[in-house]
Amino acid sequence: MADEIPPVCLIPDLCRILRTSPRTIARLRRAGAFPIRELCGIDKRPRWSGDDVRAYLAHKGKPQPWRRIA
């Protein structure tokens, strides 16, 4: 799966990688509980580093977006 992670992930990419819905990602972001930090972008779309997503998956072993990395 790590080979399928793009260098910059948008919400559709995270949904596919973490096997969750856009609504779940939005809810976690609003609550400040999303475990992967966002990147600054050139537009208003949220985005995440592919390296950060890989690190999160390696740390947790399997996708569990509702838990924060310590």
Protein backbone atom coordinates (compact mmCIF):
# COMPACT_ATOMS: atom_id res chain seq x y z
CA MET A 1 0.00 0.00 0.00
CA ALA A 2 2.91 2.40 0.70
CA ASP A 3 3.71 2.47 -3.03
CA GLU A 4 0.17 3.72 -3.68
CA ILE A 5 0.53 6.77 -1.44
CA PRO A 6 1.12 9.93 -3.49
CA PRO A 7 3.70 12.53 -2.36
CA VAL A 8 0.86 14.90 -1.43
CA CYS A 9 -2.46 13.42 -0.30
CA LEU A 10 -5.83 15.13 -0.64
CA ILE A 11 -9.04 13.99 1.06
CA PRO A 12 -9.95 11.41 -1.65
CA ASP A 13 -6.46 9.89 -1.30
CA LEU A 14 -6.80 9.67 2.50
CA CYS A 15 -10.23 8.09 2.21
CA ARG A 16 -8.81 5.37 0.00
CA ILE A 17 -5.65 4.83 2.08
CA LEU A 18 -7.29 4.95 5.52
CA ARG A 19 -10.49 3.25 4.35
CA THR A 20 -12.77 5.89 5.78
CA SER A 21 -15.25 8.46 4.51
CA PRO A 22 -14.71 12.15 3.78
CA ARG A 23 -17.27 12.89 6.47
CA THR A 24 -15.21 11.05 9.10
CA ILE A 25 -12.07 12.95 8.10
CA ALA A 26 -13.97 16.26 8.27
CA ARG A 27 -15.40 15.41 11.70
CA LEU A 28 -11.97 14.50 13.10
CA ARG A 29 -10.39 17.64 11.64
CA ARG A 30 -13.12 19.84 13.19
CA ALA A 31 -12.56 18.17 16.55
CA GLY A 32 -8.80 18.64 16.30
CA ALA A 33 -8.36 14.88 16.58
CA PHE A 34 -7.02 14.02 13.13
CA PRO A 35 -3.69 12.25 13.76
CA ILE A 36 -1.76 13.52 10.71
CA ARG A 37 -0.71 17.16 10.47
CA GLU A 38 -1.85 19.19 7.47
CA LEU A 39 0.42 20.92 4.97
CA CYS A 40 0.00 24.48 3.78
CA GLY A 41 -1.15 24.65 0.20
CA ILE A 42 -1.61 27.00 -2.68
CA ASP A 43 -5.38 26.74 -2.46
CA LYS A 44 -7.91 26.03 0.28
CA ARG A 45 -7.98 22.24 -0.17
CA PRO A 46 -6.54 20.39 2.83
CA ARG A 47 -3.51 18.25 2.04
CA TRP A 48 -1.12 15.96 3.86
CA SER A 49 2.42 14.78 3.20
CA GLY A 50 2.64 11.25 1.82
CA ASP A 51 5.63 10.70 4.12
CA ASP A 52 3.53 11.67 7.17
CA VAL A 53 0.78 9.29 6.06
CA ARG A 54 3.34 6.47 5.64
CA ALA A 55 4.80 7.23 9.10
CA TYR A 56 1.32 7.14 10.63
CA LEU A 57 0.56 3.79 9.01
CA ALA A 58 3.94 2.36 10.02
CA HIS A 59 3.45 3.54 13.60
CA LYS A 60 -0.06 2.16 13.91
CA GLY A 61 0.40 -0.94 11.77
CA LYS A 62 -3.01 -0.55 10.13
CA PRO A 63 -5.30 2.38 9.35
CA GLN A 64 -7.03 3.72 12.47
CA PRO A 65 -7.63 7.42 11.81
CA TRP A 66 -9.49 8.02 15.06
CA ARG A 67 -6.32 7.67 17.19
CA ARG A 68 -3.67 10.37 17.53
CA ILE A 69 0.07 9.62 17.32
CA ALA A 70 1.72 10.39 20.66
